Amino acid sequence: MAAVLFLISALGASSPGFPVAPIFDGGSQFIWNFVGYRVLGGIGAGLASMLPPMYIAEILPPRVRGTLVARNQFAIVSGILVIHFVNYGIARAGSGNTWLNTTDWRYVFLSGTAPAALFLVLLFFVPETPRFLML
């Protein structure tokens, strides 16, 4: 669910007027659509930050749980660092404030679709927890 929310949020926030307005078109009349997509992304982020430690606690033996939870946190922080560099590259790609204010912000949100899609695909290879299998 978190991966789907991330994907919907990234696509929707980059083009909040879609399907009414053409992709990368539309103005301030779609602000509430944009806010809604961002809220969906926030819910996805909340799920993605809460569920992995629970999954790790259920599936792994106690001697390695702490290490894997720490690696999970390191992955989150590393992802934040990478996205700052991606956003910097996007901001430097255009010329002038006009490009930055009209187009750049859309690519910033659109850049989230690749990790969201990868996250969604890789989730199909994650084994079920013993608790889930018992239920």
Protein backbone atom coordinates (compact mmCIF):
# COMPACT_ATOMS: atom_id res chain seq x y z
CA MET A 1 0.00 0.00 0.00
CA ALA A 2 2.84 2.40 0.85
CA ALA A 3 4.51 1.83 -2.53
CA VAL A 4 1.24 2.43 -4.39
CA LEU A 5 0.64 5.64 -2.42
CA PHE A 6 4.18 6.81 -3.20
CA LEU A 7 3.67 6.15 -6.90
CA ILE A 8 0.28 7.87 -7.04
CA SER A 9 1.64 10.82 -5.07
CA ALA A 10 4.70 11.28 -7.29
CA LEU A 11 2.70 11.10 -10.51
CA GLY A 12 -0.17 13.22 -9.21
CA ALA A 13 1.94 15.93 -7.59
CA SER A 14 3.99 16.35 -10.77
CA SER A 15 0.84 16.91 -12.81
CA PRO A 16 -2.03 17.76 -10.44
CA GLY A 17 -4.41 18.71 -13.25
CA PHE A 18 -4.29 15.30 -14.92
CA PRO A 19 -6.63 13.92 -16.38
CA VAL A 20 -8.64 17.18 -16.74
CA ALA A 21 -5.71 19.29 -17.97
CA PRO A 22 -2.91 18.03 -20.24
CA ILE A 23 0.15 16.61 -18.53
CA PHE A 24 2.41 19.37 -17.15
CA ASP A 25 -0.33 21.91 -17.78
CA GLY A 26 -2.83 23.64 -15.53
CA GLY A 27 -2.51 26.34 -12.99
CA SER A 28 -3.44 27.24 -9.47
CA GLN A 29 -6.98 25.90 -9.85
CA PHE A 30 -5.54 22.43 -9.15
CA ILE A 31 -3.95 23.37 -5.81
CA TRP A 32 -6.29 21.10 -3.85
CA ASN A 33 -5.47 18.17 -6.12
CA PHE A 34 -1.80 18.87 -5.44
CA VAL A 35 -2.44 18.99 -1.68
CA GLY A 36 -4.36 15.72 -1.87
CA TYR A 37 -1.51 13.98 -3.70
CA ARG A 38 0.96 15.28 -1.13
CA VAL A 39 -1.24 13.98 1.70
CA LEU A 40 -1.27 10.55 0.02
CA GLY A 41 2.52 10.70 -0.14
CA GLY A 42 2.66 11.56 3.56
CA ILE A 43 0.47 8.59 4.43
CA GLY A 44 2.75 6.39 2.32
CA ALA A 45 5.81 7.77 4.11
CA GLY A 46 4.22 7.07 7.47
CA LEU A 47 3.48 3.49 6.47
CA ALA A 48 6.96 3.01 5.02
CA SER A 49 8.62 4.29 8.19
CA MET A 50 6.49 2.21 10.56
CA LEU A 51 6.18 -1.15 8.82
CA PRO A 52 9.79 -2.21 8.05
CA PRO A 53 10.91 -2.28 11.70
CA MET A 54 7.81 -4.34 12.54
CA TYR A 55 8.54 -6.71 9.66
CA ILE A 56 12.18 -7.02 10.74
CA ALA A 57 11.10 -7.78 14.31
CA GLU A 58 8.74 -10.52 13.12
CA ILE A 59 10.90 -12.31 10.60
CA LEU A 60 14.47 -12.15 11.91
CA PRO A 61 16.15 -13.78 14.90
CA PRO A 62 16.86 -11.49 17.87
CA ARG A 63 20.64 -11.44 17.38
CA VAL A 64 20.40 -9.55 14.04
CA ARG A 65 17.30 -7.40 14.55
CA GLY A 66 19.13 -4.33 15.81
CA THR A 67 21.60 -4.42 12.95
CA LEU A 68 18.86 -4.63 10.33
CA VAL A 69 16.78 -1.87 11.92
CA ALA A 70 19.90 0.32 11.94
CA ARG A 71 20.51 -0.51 8.26
CA ASN A 72 16.91 0.38 7.51
CA GLN A 73 17.39 3.78 9.14
CA PHE A 74 20.66 4.27 7.27
CA ALA A 75 18.87 3.47 3.99
CA ILE A 76 16.23 6.10 4.76
CA VAL A 77 18.82 8.78 5.51
CA SER A 78 20.88 7.81 2.44
CA GLY A 79 17.76 8.09 0.27
CA ILE A 80 17.10 11.58 1.62
CA LEU A 81 20.68 12.56 0.78
CA VAL A 82 20.43 11.14 -2.74
CA ILE A 83 17.18 12.98 -3.45
CA HIS A 84 18.79 16.27 -2.42
CA PHE A 85 21.48 15.71 -5.06
CA VAL A 86 18.85 14.74 -7.63
CA ASN A 87 16.86 17.89 -6.86
CA TYR A 88 20.01 19.99 -7.09
CA GLY A 89 20.74 18.49 -10.51
CA ILE A 90 17.19 19.19 -11.66
CA ALA A 91 17.42 22.80 -10.45
CA ARG A 92 20.73 23.29 -12.27
CA ALA A 93 19.40 21.77 -15.53
CA GLY A 94 17.20 24.71 -16.46
CA SER A 95 18.02 28.31 -17.03
CA GLY A 96 16.50 31.14 -15.08
CA ASN A 97 13.71 31.48 -12.57
CA THR A 98 10.99 31.01 -15.19
CA TRP A 99 12.03 27.42 -15.84
CA LEU A 100 12.47 26.83 -12.12
CA ASN A 101 9.00 28.13 -11.29
CA THR A 102 7.07 26.63 -14.20
CA THR A 103 8.71 23.29 -14.94
CA ASP A 104 11.41 22.36 -12.42
CA TRP A 105 9.08 21.60 -9.51
CA ARG A 106 7.22 19.08 -11.65
CA TYR A 107 10.40 17.12 -12.37
CA VAL A 108 11.30 17.16 -8.68
CA PHE A 109 8.07 15.31 -7.88
CA LEU A 110 8.27 13.15 -10.99
CA SER A 111 11.73 11.93 -9.92
CA GLY A 112 10.00 10.04 -7.11
CA THR A 113 8.29 7.67 -9.52
CA ALA A 114 11.40 5.56 -10.20
CA PRO A 115 12.09 4.65 -6.54
CA ALA A 116 8.37 4.15 -5.90
CA ALA A 117 8.04 1.79 -8.86
CA LEU A 118 11.19 -0.10 -7.83
CA PHE A 119 9.84 -0.36 -4.28
CA LEU A 120 6.54 -1.74 -5.59
CA VAL A 121 8.23 -4.34 -7.81
CA LEU A 122 10.66 -5.50 -5.12
CA LEU A 123 7.84 -5.98 -2.61
CA PHE A 124 6.66 -8.97 -4.63
CA PHE A 125 9.87 -10.77 -3.63
CA VAL A 126 9.55 -10.13 0.12
CA PRO A 127 8.53 -13.29 2.00
CA GLU A 128 5.45 -13.31 4.22
CA THR A 129 5.94 -13.17 7.97
CA PRO A 130 5.33 -16.26 10.08
CA ARG A 131 2.50 -14.44 11.86
CA PHE A 132 0.77 -13.71 8.55
CA LEU A 133 1.18 -17.33 7.47
CA MET A 134 -0.34 -18.53 10.77
CA LEU A 135 -3.37 -16.28 10.30
